[in-house]
Amino acid sequence: MEQINNNLPINIIARVVTDVKVRNDSFAFSQLMKVANEYQEKYSDIPISEIPKVQQARSFFRAIGIDPTRRRPSSEALLRRAVKGKELYQINNIVDVGNWCSLEFLLPICVYDYDKIEGSIHVKLGTQQDSYLAHNGREMNFADKFVICDQVGAFGSPLTDSIRTAVTENTTKVLMIIFAPEDYDRLLLEEKMDIMEERIKNCRNLLQTPFS
């Protein structure tokens, strides 16, 4: 279990998995799509806010000072695309596991290349100095927003993560983080992490197609 220094009213669990094999196979993505299709079949006719467990991620966002009706938790963003039948994107087996778990658990999840993280990890409310180039190609500033930092600086958040610590085909060790509201049952959160860890480990045992 990875220790993350946290003084905010939230629940975080983190774990490191080693000997990871990052590939461009479709198993995890197919499981993500299976969950997405189940949501669409079951919930396409009701408001997103009434889908069970949606409010837990919104509660987490409120606790870190983000209005979830203006900026969606990553889990809810996936859910909205699933329910509306919009395209989901295949990245690689490890990131796809993270998205699969995030959609299934309806909790924000981040996965990082652990070897790209320098020193201890902590979460805080950011300042004007806390910024990074994100996966969306934009320079994100985290002044007065929740951010995950190492000794180099900010590298992640449940909004969008940095390119600096992204999982690539060269990644061999990953840091997994699941975010939840403060009142989320800790044992249940550990069970969710166990499931995610097992899914990532199972990726090593599948017949995989390497990156070209």
Protein backbone atom coordinates (compact mmCIF):
# COMPACT_ATOMS: atom_id res chain seq x y z
CA MET A 1 0.00 0.00 0.00
CA GLU A 2 1.39 3.37 -1.04
CA GLN A 3 1.20 6.13 1.58
CA ILE A 4 -0.23 9.45 0.43
CA ASN A 5 -0.15 12.38 2.80
CA ASN A 6 -3.68 13.72 2.94
CA ASN A 7 -5.08 16.47 5.14
CA LEU A 8 -8.30 16.99 3.19
CA PRO A 9 -11.79 15.67 4.12
CA ILE A 10 -11.67 12.88 1.54
CA ASN A 11 -10.93 9.17 1.30
CA ILE A 12 -7.99 8.01 -0.83
CA ILE A 13 -6.51 4.58 -1.37
CA ALA A 14 -3.34 3.94 -3.37
CA ARG A 15 -1.38 0.87 -4.38
CA VAL A 16 1.64 0.06 -6.54
CA VAL A 17 1.73 -2.88 -8.95
CA THR A 18 5.05 -4.04 -10.36
CA ASP A 19 6.04 -6.14 -13.41
CA VAL A 20 3.31 -4.52 -15.47
CA LYS A 21 3.06 -5.29 -19.18
CA VAL A 22 1.53 -2.41 -21.11
CA ARG A 23 0.07 -3.56 -24.41
CA ASN A 24 -2.52 -2.55 -26.95
CA ASP A 25 -4.82 -5.54 -26.44
CA SER A 26 -8.58 -5.23 -26.26
CA PHE A 27 -9.63 -7.36 -23.28
CA ALA A 28 -9.95 -4.58 -20.67
CA PHE A 29 -11.58 -2.28 -23.21
CA SER A 30 -14.13 -4.98 -24.09
CA GLN A 31 -14.99 -5.24 -20.39
CA LEU A 32 -15.32 -1.45 -20.19
CA MET A 33 -17.73 -1.55 -23.13
CA LYS A 34 -19.71 -4.37 -21.52
CA VAL A 35 -20.26 -2.24 -18.40
CA ALA A 36 -21.08 0.79 -20.57
CA ASN A 37 -23.72 -1.17 -22.49
CA GLU A 38 -25.27 -2.41 -19.25
CA TYR A 39 -25.59 1.17 -17.99
CA GLN A 40 -27.14 2.28 -21.26
CA GLU A 41 -29.71 -0.52 -21.22
CA LYS A 42 -30.64 0.10 -17.59
CA TYR A 43 -30.45 3.87 -17.15
CA SER A 44 -30.89 5.62 -20.51
CA ASP A 45 -34.34 6.93 -19.54
CA ILE A 46 -33.54 8.45 -16.15
CA PRO A 47 -31.54 11.55 -15.11
CA ILE A 48 -27.85 10.94 -14.44
CA SER A 49 -28.24 12.33 -10.92
CA GLU A 50 -30.67 9.53 -10.05
CA ILE A 51 -28.37 6.69 -11.07
CA PRO A 52 -27.21 4.84 -7.94
CA LYS A 53 -23.74 5.82 -6.67
CA VAL A 54 -23.42 8.95 -8.83
CA GLN A 55 -23.75 11.15 -5.76
CA GLN A 56 -20.71 9.59 -4.06
CA ALA A 57 -18.29 11.06 -6.63
CA ARG A 58 -20.17 14.36 -6.56
CA SER A 59 -19.80 14.42 -2.78
CA PHE A 60 -16.05 13.89 -3.18
CA PHE A 61 -15.84 16.78 -5.64
CA ARG A 62 -17.71 19.11 -3.29
CA ALA A 63 -15.27 18.19 -0.52
CA ILE A 64 -12.34 19.33 -2.68
CA GLY A 65 -14.05 22.56 -3.66
CA ILE A 66 -15.26 21.66 -7.16
CA ASP A 67 -18.86 22.12 -8.26
CA PRO A 68 -19.72 18.72 -9.83
CA THR A 69 -22.46 20.27 -11.94
CA ARG A 70 -19.83 22.41 -13.71
CA ARG A 71 -16.85 20.03 -13.79
CA ARG A 72 -17.78 16.36 -13.90
CA PRO A 73 -15.91 13.68 -11.96
CA SER A 74 -14.08 11.44 -14.43
CA SER A 75 -16.31 8.51 -13.45
CA GLU A 76 -19.46 10.51 -14.22
CA ALA A 77 -18.01 11.72 -17.51
CA LEU A 78 -17.57 8.06 -18.52
CA LEU A 79 -21.06 7.27 -17.31
CA ARG A 80 -22.62 10.08 -19.32
CA ARG A 81 -20.94 8.89 -22.50
CA ALA A 82 -22.03 5.31 -21.77
CA VAL A 83 -25.66 6.15 -21.08
CA LYS A 84 -25.86 8.34 -24.20
CA GLY A 85 -24.20 5.68 -26.35
CA LYS A 86 -21.24 7.92 -27.17
CA GLU A 87 -17.86 6.55 -28.14
CA LEU A 88 -15.42 5.47 -25.43
CA TYR A 89 -11.73 5.42 -26.24
CA GLN A 90 -9.27 2.56 -26.05
CA ILE A 91 -5.87 3.70 -24.72
CA ASN A 92 -3.86 0.67 -23.54
CA ASN A 93 -4.64 -2.33 -21.34
CA ILE A 94 -3.64 -0.61 -18.06
CA VAL A 95 -5.45 2.68 -18.62
CA ASP A 96 -8.43 0.72 -19.94
CA VAL A 97 -8.54 -1.23 -16.65
CA GLY A 98 -8.62 2.08 -14.80
CA ASN A 99 -11.53 3.32 -16.92
CA TRP A 100 -13.31 -0.03 -16.59
CA CYS A 101 -13.05 0.11 -12.78
CA SER A 102 -13.97 3.80 -12.65
CA LEU A 103 -17.15 3.22 -14.63
CA GLU A 104 -18.08 0.11 -12.68
CA PHE A 105 -17.38 1.61 -9.24
CA LEU A 106 -18.51 5.13 -10.23
CA LEU A 107 -15.50 6.58 -8.44
CA PRO A 108 -12.69 8.72 -9.90
CA ILE A 109 -9.59 6.61 -10.55
CA CYS A 110 -6.10 7.56 -11.69
CA VAL A 111 -3.24 5.36 -12.90
CA TYR A 112 0.33 6.66 -13.12
CA ASP A 113 3.77 5.45 -14.14
CA TYR A 114 5.28 5.04 -10.68
CA ASP A 115 8.87 5.34 -11.87
CA LYS A 116 8.14 8.87 -13.13
CA ILE A 117 7.11 10.04 -9.65
CA GLU A 118 9.82 11.66 -7.55
CA GLY A 119 9.86 11.23 -3.76
CA SER A 120 6.86 11.32 -1.45
CA ILE A 121 3.30 11.90 -2.66
CA HIS A 122 0.82 14.28 -1.09
CA VAL A 123 -2.49 15.90 -1.90
CA LYS A 124 -3.32 19.52 -1.22
CA LEU A 125 -5.18 22.58 -2.38
CA GLY A 126 -3.03 23.95 -5.16
CA THR A 127 -1.45 27.37 -5.61
CA GLN A 128 -0.64 29.42 -8.72
CA GLN A 129 2.65 27.49 -8.93
CA ASP A 130 0.84 24.14 -9.29
CA SER A 131 0.29 23.42 -12.97
CA TYR A 132 1.07 20.83 -15.63
CA LEU A 133 0.53 19.89 -19.24
CA ALA A 134 -2.49 17.59 -19.21
CA HIS A 135 -3.67 14.76 -21.45
CA ASN A 136 -6.10 17.15 -23.11
CA GLY A 137 -3.12 19.13 -24.41
CA ARG A 138 -3.80 22.10 -22.17
CA GLU A 139 -1.68 23.65 -19.46
CA MET A 140 -3.81 23.18 -16.34
CA ASN A 141 -3.44 25.43 -13.30
CA PHE A 142 -4.61 24.15 -9.93
CA ALA A 143 -4.77 27.29 -7.83
CA ASP A 144 -7.36 26.61 -5.10
CA LYS A 145 -8.05 23.16 -6.58
CA PHE A 146 -7.22 19.67 -5.33
CA VAL A 147 -3.98 18.36 -6.81
CA ILE A 148 -1.62 15.42 -6.34
CA CYS A 149 2.06 16.35 -6.03
CA ASP A 150 5.48 14.80 -5.67
CA GLN A 151 8.81 16.51 -4.97
CA VAL A 152 8.93 17.86 -8.54
CA GLY A 153 5.44 19.35 -8.42
CA ALA A 154 1.85 18.69 -9.42
CA PHE A 155 1.21 15.59 -11.51
CA GLY A 156 -2.41 14.52 -11.14
CA SER A 157 -6.00 15.20 -10.21
CA PRO A 158 -9.43 13.59 -10.67
CA LEU A 159 -10.07 16.19 -13.41
CA THR A 160 -7.28 15.28 -15.81
CA ASP A 161 -3.76 13.92 -15.35
CA SER A 162 -0.35 15.13 -16.46
CA ILE A 163 1.61 13.86 -19.41
CA ARG A 164 4.69 13.73 -17.15
CA THR A 165 3.49 10.66 -15.23
CA ALA A 166 1.41 9.03 -17.97
CA VAL A 167 1.41 5.27 -18.48
CA THR A 168 3.12 4.33 -21.76
CA GLU A 169 4.35 1.15 -23.45
CA ASN A 170 7.59 1.55 -21.44
CA THR A 171 5.83 1.51 -18.06
CA THR A 172 6.64 -1.44 -15.79
CA LYS A 173 5.31 -0.18 -12.45
CA VAL A 174 2.00 1.62 -11.89
CA LEU A 175 0.51 3.65 -9.07
CA MET A 176 -3.26 3.23 -8.78
CA ILE A 177 -5.37 5.73 -6.84
CA ILE A 178 -9.09 5.57 -6.08
CA PHE A 179 -10.83 8.68 -4.71
CA ALA A 180 -13.97 8.65 -2.56
CA PRO A 181 -15.87 10.92 -0.16
CA GLU A 182 -14.80 10.96 3.48
CA ASP A 183 -17.73 8.81 4.63
CA TYR A 184 -17.12 6.03 2.09
CA ASP A 185 -16.65 2.70 3.85
CA ARG A 186 -12.91 2.03 4.06
CA LEU A 187 -13.20 -1.75 3.86
CA LEU A 188 -15.34 -1.43 0.75
CA LEU A 189 -12.77 0.93 -0.77
CA GLU A 190 -10.03 -1.63 -0.08
CA GLU A 191 -12.16 -4.29 -1.78
CA LYS A 192 -12.47 -2.06 -4.84
CA MET A 193 -8.69 -1.64 -4.91
CA ASP A 194 -8.21 -5.40 -4.61
CA ILE A 195 -10.43 -5.88 -7.68
CA MET A 196 -8.52 -3.27 -9.66
CA GLU A 197 -5.14 -4.72 -8.70
CA GLU A 198 -6.25 -8.21 -9.71
CA ARG A 199 -7.46 -6.94 -13.08
CA ILE A 200 -4.16 -5.21 -13.78
CA LYS A 201 -2.21 -8.30 -12.75
CA ASN A 202 -4.40 -10.45 -14.99
CA CYS A 203 -3.32 -8.31 -17.94
CA ARG A 204 0.11 -9.94 -17.62
CA ASN A 205 -1.38 -13.38 -18.21
CA LEU A 206 -3.37 -12.60 -21.33
CA LEU A 207 -2.25 -13.20 -24.89
CA GLN A 208 -1.40 -9.68 -25.93
CA THR A 209 -0.51 -7.85 -29.11
CA PRO A 210 2.53 -5.58 -28.59
CA PHE A 211 2.56 -1.96 -29.67
CA SER A 212 3.67 -1.61 -33.27
